[in-house]
Amino acid sequence: MTKDQKNEVIEVLKGKFSQYDNFYITDTESLTVAQVTKLRRACFDKNVEMKVAKNTLIKKALESLDAEKYAGVYDSLHKVTALMFSENPKEPAVILSSFRSEAKAERPELKLAFINGDLYAGDNQLKALTQIKTKNELIGEVIGLLLSPIQRVIGALQNKSEGGDAAPVAAETAPVVEAPAAEAAPEAPAAPEAPAAEEKPAAE
């Protein structure tokens, strides 16, 4: 590789490190060409950019950007290195984990992950990285927590509305119906009056 070619690679890497806040440094030394191709395809499908470069060029690219910021990265630059750049901090970890599970192998090995300025060194960090909450997931959880009390209040109001404001009366007061008064017994016919005694004519 000529000096110009090296400088070109360094410039490309600088652009990627500037573009992404998250990148993974992996060891792909024992992978076959077919396996590397499969890994690249898996990265492409998940919008993860994969770059294979020499460790010296990677270090020069990082040092030219911010030597102090990336100081903790340099120790992981050894053997064959493949870089994985992603907007989603856990997507490369998911890809590596799935790839290894399917291949029933321990490669590619995670050497280091740089996530928003935090360093996760060592392959033993891979499982934890697959469980990182993304920004959108965290926002969704916060919104869910904020909406939960509101939903409970709305639910209570709906239940109250469906059940009515007052408890239903157990039994309505039945209208008072007066029993019809017993019909008066027919009056007995009045006894006929006795005819008055005829007055005797006075004696003359």
C-alpha atoms as a PDB file:
ATOM      1  CA  MET A   1       0.000   0.000   0.000  1.00  0.00           C
ATOM      2  CA  THR A   2       1.412   3.347  -1.060  1.00  0.00           C
ATOM      3  CA  LYS A   3       1.511   6.409   1.136  1.00  0.00           C
ATOM      4  CA  ASP A   4      -1.309   7.997  -0.821  1.00  0.00           C
ATOM      5  CA  GLN A   5      -3.426   4.889  -0.407  1.00  0.00           C
ATOM      6  CA  LYS A   6      -2.772   4.869   3.326  1.00  0.00           C
ATOM      7  CA  ASN A   7      -3.741   8.527   3.597  1.00  0.00           C
ATOM      8  CA  GLU A   8      -6.908   7.812   1.666  1.00  0.00           C
ATOM      9  CA  VAL A   9      -7.851   5.027   4.090  1.00  0.00           C
ATOM     10  CA  ILE A  10      -7.109   7.283   7.055  1.00  0.00           C
ATOM     11  CA  GLU A  11      -9.380   9.996   5.648  1.00  0.00           C
ATOM     12  CA  VAL A  12     -12.195   7.502   5.082  1.00  0.00           C
ATOM     13  CA  LEU A  13     -11.862   6.228   8.660  1.00  0.00           C
ATOM     14  CA  LYS A  14     -11.812   9.759  10.043  1.00  0.00           C
ATOM     15  CA  GLY A  15     -15.063  10.438   8.247  1.00  0.00           C
ATOM     16  CA  LYS A  16     -16.670   7.344   9.788  1.00  0.00           C
ATOM     17  CA  PHE A  17     -15.424   8.060  13.304  1.00  0.00           C
ATOM     18  CA  SER A  18     -16.753  11.626  12.990  1.00  0.00           C
ATOM     19  CA  GLN A  19     -20.110  10.446  11.635  1.00  0.00           C
ATOM     20  CA  TYR A  20     -20.854   7.771  14.237  1.00  0.00           C
ATOM     21  CA  ASP A  21     -20.894   7.972  18.024  1.00  0.00           C
ATOM     22  CA  ASN A  22     -20.910   4.174  18.229  1.00  0.00           C
ATOM     23  CA  PHE A  23     -18.384   1.724  16.824  1.00  0.00           C
ATOM     24  CA  TYR A  24     -17.228  -1.800  17.628  1.00  0.00           C
ATOM     25  CA  ILE A  25     -13.704  -3.198  17.254  1.00  0.00           C
ATOM     26  CA  THR A  26     -13.784  -6.918  16.512  1.00  0.00           C
ATOM     27  CA  ASP A  27     -11.272  -9.680  15.868  1.00  0.00           C
ATOM     28  CA  THR A  28     -12.025 -11.495  12.592  1.00  0.00           C
ATOM     29  CA  GLU A  29      -8.670 -13.267  12.288  1.00  0.00           C
ATOM     30  CA  SER A  30      -9.977 -16.840  12.088  1.00  0.00           C
ATOM     31  CA  LEU A  31     -12.917 -16.160   9.756  1.00  0.00           C
ATOM     32  CA  THR A  32     -12.939 -17.515   6.228  1.00  0.00           C
ATOM     33  CA  VAL A  33     -13.622 -15.314   3.206  1.00  0.00           C
ATOM     34  CA  ALA A  34     -17.126 -16.783   3.002  1.00  0.00           C
ATOM     35  CA  GLN A  35     -17.780 -15.997   6.673  1.00  0.00           C
ATOM     36  CA  VAL A  36     -16.543 -12.419   6.287  1.00  0.00           C
ATOM     37  CA  THR A  37     -18.829 -11.992   3.286  1.00  0.00           C
ATOM     38  CA  LYS A  38     -21.763 -13.344   5.300  1.00  0.00           C
ATOM     39  CA  LEU A  39     -20.948 -10.977   8.165  1.00  0.00           C
ATOM     40  CA  ARG A  40     -20.804  -8.016   5.784  1.00  0.00           C
ATOM     41  CA  ARG A  41     -24.227  -8.964   4.394  1.00  0.00           C
ATOM     42  CA  ALA A  42     -25.687  -9.187   7.905  1.00  0.00           C
ATOM     43  CA  CYS A  43     -24.292  -5.735   8.682  1.00  0.00           C
ATOM     44  CA  PHE A  44     -25.666  -4.282   5.456  1.00  0.00           C
ATOM     45  CA  ASP A  45     -29.150  -5.622   6.220  1.00  0.00           C
ATOM     46  CA  LYS A  46     -29.102  -3.859   9.626  1.00  0.00           C
ATOM     47  CA  ASN A  47     -27.629  -0.543   8.389  1.00  0.00           C
ATOM     48  CA  VAL A  48     -24.293  -1.250  10.073  1.00  0.00           C
ATOM     49  CA  GLU A  49     -21.137  -0.255   8.181  1.00  0.00           C
ATOM     50  CA  MET A  50     -18.246  -2.701   8.383  1.00  0.00           C
ATOM     51  CA  LYS A  51     -14.675  -1.684   7.586  1.00  0.00           C
ATOM     52  CA  VAL A  52     -11.555  -3.842   7.721  1.00  0.00           C
ATOM     53  CA  ALA A  53      -8.356  -1.847   8.138  1.00  0.00           C
ATOM     54  CA  LYS A  54      -4.848  -2.071   9.513  1.00  0.00           C
ATOM     55  CA  ASN A  55      -4.508  -1.212  13.175  1.00  0.00           C
ATOM     56  CA  THR A  56      -1.834   1.421  12.539  1.00  0.00           C
ATOM     57  CA  LEU A  57      -4.115   3.290  10.140  1.00  0.00           C
ATOM     58  CA  ILE A  58      -7.055   3.092  12.550  1.00  0.00           C
ATOM     59  CA  LYS A  59      -4.900   4.518  15.320  1.00  0.00           C
ATOM     60  CA  LYS A  60      -3.645   7.368  13.144  1.00  0.00           C
ATOM     61  CA  ALA A  61      -7.213   8.247  12.148  1.00  0.00           C
ATOM     62  CA  LEU A  62      -8.328   8.362  15.805  1.00  0.00           C
ATOM     63  CA  GLU A  63      -5.268  10.335  16.932  1.00  0.00           C
ATOM     64  CA  SER A  64      -5.769  12.935  14.215  1.00  0.00           C
ATOM     65  CA  LEU A  65      -9.357  13.477  15.383  1.00  0.00           C
ATOM     66  CA  ASP A  66      -8.955  13.532  19.160  1.00  0.00           C
ATOM     67  CA  ALA A  67      -6.035  11.612  20.681  1.00  0.00           C
ATOM     68  CA  GLU A  68      -7.287  12.086  24.248  1.00  0.00           C
ATOM     69  CA  LYS A  69     -10.901  11.159  23.560  1.00  0.00           C
ATOM     70  CA  TYR A  70      -9.914   7.826  22.016  1.00  0.00           C
ATOM     71  CA  ALA A  71      -6.956   7.053  24.296  1.00  0.00           C
ATOM     72  CA  GLY A  72      -8.697   4.017  25.766  1.00  0.00           C
ATOM     73  CA  VAL A  73      -9.235   2.483  22.330  1.00  0.00           C
ATOM     74  CA  TYR A  74      -5.625   1.973  21.276  1.00  0.00           C
ATOM     75  CA  ASP A  75      -4.923  -1.112  23.412  1.00  0.00           C
ATOM     76  CA  SER A  76      -7.601  -3.047  21.522  1.00  0.00           C
ATOM     77  CA  LEU A  77      -5.940  -2.463  18.146  1.00  0.00           C
ATOM     78  CA  HIS A  78      -4.146  -5.751  17.572  1.00  0.00           C
ATOM     79  CA  LYS A  79      -4.491  -8.797  15.293  1.00  0.00           C
ATOM     80  CA  VAL A  80      -6.980  -8.549  12.408  1.00  0.00           C
ATOM     81  CA  THR A  81      -9.468  -5.779  13.063  1.00  0.00           C
ATOM     82  CA  ALA A  82     -12.922  -5.177  11.615  1.00  0.00           C
ATOM     83  CA  LEU A  83     -14.742  -1.993  12.586  1.00  0.00           C
ATOM     84  CA  MET A  84     -18.529  -1.860  12.834  1.00  0.00           C
ATOM     85  CA  PHE A  85     -20.199   1.572  12.746  1.00  0.00           C
ATOM     86  CA  SER A  86     -23.847   2.035  13.723  1.00  0.00           C
ATOM     87  CA  GLU A  87     -26.366   4.666  14.754  1.00  0.00           C
ATOM     88  CA  ASN A  88     -27.988   2.031  16.957  1.00  0.00           C
ATOM     89  CA  PRO A  89     -25.587   1.267  19.832  1.00  0.00           C
ATOM     90  CA  LYS A  90     -26.642  -2.351  20.282  1.00  0.00           C
ATOM     91  CA  GLU A  91     -27.173  -3.476  16.668  1.00  0.00           C
ATOM     92  CA  PRO A  92     -23.555  -4.609  16.088  1.00  0.00           C
ATOM     93  CA  ALA A  93     -23.705  -6.648  19.310  1.00  0.00           C
ATOM     94  CA  VAL A  94     -26.911  -8.330  18.148  1.00  0.00           C
ATOM     95  CA  ILE A  95     -25.320  -9.119  14.776  1.00  0.00           C
ATOM     96  CA  LEU A  96     -22.177 -10.573  16.363  1.00  0.00           C
ATOM     97  CA  SER A  97     -24.177 -12.613  18.857  1.00  0.00           C
ATOM     98  CA  SER A  98     -26.494 -14.042  16.173  1.00  0.00           C
ATOM     99  CA  PHE A  99     -23.601 -14.739  13.793  1.00  0.00           C
ATOM    100  CA  ARG A 100     -21.667 -16.635  16.446  1.00  0.00           C
ATOM    101  CA  SER A 101     -24.746 -18.554  17.537  1.00  0.00           C
ATOM    102  CA  GLU A 102     -25.462 -19.736  13.994  1.00  0.00           C
ATOM    103  CA  ALA A 103     -21.824 -20.640  13.348  1.00  0.00           C
ATOM    104  CA  LYS A 104     -21.472 -22.220  16.799  1.00  0.00           C
ATOM    105  CA  ALA A 105     -18.162 -20.381  17.174  1.00  0.00           C
ATOM    106  CA  GLU A 106     -16.537 -17.726  19.338  1.00  0.00           C
ATOM    107  CA  ARG A 107     -15.592 -15.479  16.457  1.00  0.00           C
ATOM    108  CA  PRO A 108     -15.815 -12.666  15.588  1.00  0.00           C
ATOM    109  CA  GLU A 109     -14.580 -11.715  19.033  1.00  0.00           C
ATOM    110  CA  LEU A 110     -15.468  -8.362  20.524  1.00  0.00           C
ATOM    111  CA  LYS A 111     -12.336  -6.463  21.487  1.00  0.00           C
ATOM    112  CA  LEU A 112     -13.972  -3.172  22.410  1.00  0.00           C
ATOM    113  CA  ALA A 113     -17.133  -1.133  21.900  1.00  0.00           C
ATOM    114  CA  PHE A 114     -17.173   2.656  21.939  1.00  0.00           C
ATOM    115  CA  ILE A 115     -20.723   3.764  22.804  1.00  0.00           C
ATOM    116  CA  ASN A 116     -21.342   7.511  23.055  1.00  0.00           C
ATOM    117  CA  GLY A 117     -17.947   8.025  24.680  1.00  0.00           C
ATOM    118  CA  ASP A 118     -18.159   5.008  27.004  1.00  0.00           C
ATOM    119  CA  LEU A 119     -15.815   2.039  26.571  1.00  0.00           C
ATOM    120  CA  TYR A 120     -16.849  -1.617  26.866  1.00  0.00           C
ATOM    121  CA  ALA A 121     -13.683  -3.693  26.692  1.00  0.00           C
ATOM    122  CA  GLY A 122     -13.590  -7.446  26.277  1.00  0.00           C
ATOM    123  CA  ASP A 123     -15.696 -10.158  24.716  1.00  0.00           C
ATOM    124  CA  ASN A 124     -17.489 -10.716  28.026  1.00  0.00           C
ATOM    125  CA  GLN A 125     -19.316  -7.410  27.410  1.00  0.00           C
ATOM    126  CA  LEU A 126     -21.111  -8.697  24.328  1.00  0.00           C
ATOM    127  CA  LYS A 127     -24.224 -10.018  26.078  1.00  0.00           C
ATOM    128  CA  ALA A 128     -24.661  -6.803  28.075  1.00  0.00           C
ATOM    129  CA  LEU A 129     -24.344  -4.760  24.886  1.00  0.00           C
ATOM    130  CA  THR A 130     -27.205  -6.679  23.245  1.00  0.00           C
ATOM    131  CA  GLN A 131     -29.442  -5.409  26.063  1.00  0.00           C
ATOM    132  CA  ILE A 132     -28.530  -1.724  25.877  1.00  0.00           C
ATOM    133  CA  LYS A 133     -31.549   0.556  25.640  1.00  0.00           C
ATOM    134  CA  THR A 134     -31.581   2.699  22.540  1.00  0.00           C
ATOM    135  CA  LYS A 135     -32.566   6.351  22.683  1.00  0.00           C
ATOM    136  CA  ASN A 136     -35.976   5.630  21.141  1.00  0.00           C
ATOM    137  CA  GLU A 137     -36.583   2.766  23.580  1.00  0.00           C
ATOM    138  CA  LEU A 138     -35.757   4.995  26.547  1.00  0.00           C
ATOM    139  CA  ILE A 139     -38.044   7.741  25.234  1.00  0.00           C
ATOM    140  CA  GLY A 140     -40.816   5.172  24.794  1.00  0.00           C
ATOM    141  CA  GLU A 141     -40.412   3.968  28.381  1.00  0.00           C
ATOM    142  CA  VAL A 142     -40.534   7.538  29.733  1.00  0.00           C
ATOM    143  CA  ILE A 143     -43.668   8.291  27.710  1.00  0.00           C
ATOM    144  CA  GLY A 144     -45.222   5.071  28.969  1.00  0.00           C
ATOM    145  CA  LEU A 145     -44.507   6.037  32.576  1.00  0.00           C
ATOM    146  CA  LEU A 146     -45.991   9.489  32.031  1.00  0.00           C
ATOM    147  CA  LEU A 147     -49.121   8.157  30.365  1.00  0.00           C
ATOM    148  CA  SER A 148     -49.784   5.400  32.883  1.00  0.00           C
ATOM    149  CA  PRO A 149     -51.404   7.615  35.583  1.00  0.00           C
ATOM    150  CA  ILE A 150     -53.445   9.449  32.940  1.00  0.00           C
ATOM    151  CA  GLN A 151     -54.720   6.164  31.526  1.00  0.00           C
ATOM    152  CA  ARG A 152     -55.748   5.023  35.000  1.00  0.00           C
ATOM    153  CA  VAL A 153     -57.703   8.228  35.555  1.00  0.00           C
ATOM    154  CA  ILE A 154     -59.396   7.933  32.160  1.00  0.00           C
ATOM    155  CA  GLY A 155     -60.249   4.312  32.887  1.00  0.00           C
ATOM    156  CA  ALA A 156     -61.768   5.223  36.236  1.00  0.00           C
ATOM    157  CA  LEU A 157     -63.847   7.980  34.664  1.00  0.00           C
ATOM    158  CA  GLN A 158     -65.093   5.665  31.939  1.00  0.00           C
ATOM    159  CA  ASN A 159     -66.093   3.028  34.469  1.00  0.00           C
ATOM    160  CA  LYS A 160     -67.931   5.643  36.498  1.00  0.00           C
ATOM    161  CA  SER A 161     -69.713   6.932  33.427  1.00  0.00           C
ATOM    162  CA  GLU A 162     -70.837   3.477  32.389  1.00  0.00           C
ATOM    163  CA  GLY A 163     -72.079   2.626  35.868  1.00  0.00           C
ATOM    164  CA  GLY A 164     -73.956   5.893  36.455  1.00  0.00           C
ATOM    165  CA  ASP A 165     -73.310   8.502  39.083  1.00  0.00           C
ATOM    166  CA  ALA A 166     -75.469   6.888  41.713  1.00  0.00           C
ATOM    167  CA  ALA A 167     -75.891   3.306  42.684  1.00  0.00           C
ATOM    168  CA  PRO A 168     -79.038   1.827  41.197  1.00  0.00           C
ATOM    169  CA  VAL A 169     -81.959   1.727  43.556  1.00  0.00           C
ATOM    170  CA  ALA A 170     -82.502  -1.830  44.704  1.00  0.00           C
ATOM    171  CA  ALA A 171     -86.232  -1.701  44.317  1.00  0.00           C
ATOM    172  CA  GLU A 172     -88.344   1.157  43.241  1.00  0.00           C
ATOM    173  CA  THR A 173     -91.102   2.157  45.558  1.00  0.00           C
ATOM    174  CA  ALA A 174     -94.199   0.535  44.261  1.00  0.00           C
ATOM    175  CA  PRO A 175     -97.081   2.900  43.727  1.00  0.00           C
ATOM    176  CA  VAL A 176     -99.615   2.665  46.472  1.00  0.00           C
ATOM    177  CA  VAL A 177    -102.783   1.187  45.096  1.00  0.00           C
ATOM    178  CA  GLU A 178    -105.735   1.548  47.349  1.00  0.00           C
ATOM    179  CA  ALA A 179    -107.874  -1.507  47.586  1.00  0.00           C
ATOM    180  CA  PRO A 180    -111.312  -0.770  46.260  1.00  0.00           C
ATOM    181  CA  ALA A 181    -113.654  -0.071  49.106  1.00  0.00           C
ATOM    182  CA  ALA A 182    -116.104  -2.842  49.729  1.00  0.00           C
ATOM    183  CA  GLU A 183    -119.368  -1.991  48.119  1.00  0.00           C
ATOM    184  CA  ALA A 184    -121.953  -0.981  50.673  1.00  0.00           C
ATOM    185  CA  ALA A 185    -124.562  -3.623  51.290  1.00  0.00           C
ATOM    186  CA  PRO A 186    -127.850  -2.682  49.696  1.00  0.00           C
ATOM    187  CA  GLU A 187    -130.099  -1.045  52.173  1.00  0.00           C
ATOM    188  CA  ALA A 188    -132.965  -3.146  53.346  1.00  0.00           C
ATOM    189  CA  PRO A 189    -136.268  -1.819  52.074  1.00  0.00           C
ATOM    190  CA  ALA A 190    -137.978   0.303  54.650  1.00  0.00           C
ATOM    191  CA  ALA A 191    -140.813  -1.407  56.456  1.00  0.00           C
ATOM    192  CA  PRO A 192    -144.178  -0.098  55.206  1.00  0.00           C
ATOM    193  CA  GLU A 193    -145.672   2.316  57.578  1.00  0.00           C
ATOM    194  CA  ALA A 194    -148.832   1.087  59.361  1.00  0.00           C
ATOM    195  CA  PRO A 195    -151.916   2.819  58.038  1.00  0.00           C
ATOM    196  CA  ALA A 196    -153.125   5.457  60.410  1.00  0.00           C
ATOM    197  CA  ALA A 197    -156.297   4.570  62.366  1.00  0.00           C
ATOM    198  CA  GLU A 198    -159.314   6.161  60.855  1.00  0.00           C
ATOM    199  CA  GLU A 199    -160.798   8.763  63.066  1.00  0.00           C
ATOM    200  CA  LYS A 200    -164.254   7.893  64.328  1.00  0.00           C
ATOM    201  CA  PRO A 201    -166.871  10.479  63.493  1.00  0.00           C
ATOM    202  CA  ALA A 202    -167.693  12.525  66.466  1.00  0.00           C
ATOM    203  CA  ALA A 203    -171.091  11.755  68.114  1.00  0.00           C
ATOM    204  CA  GLU A 204    -173.687  14.215  67.269  1.00  0.00           C
END
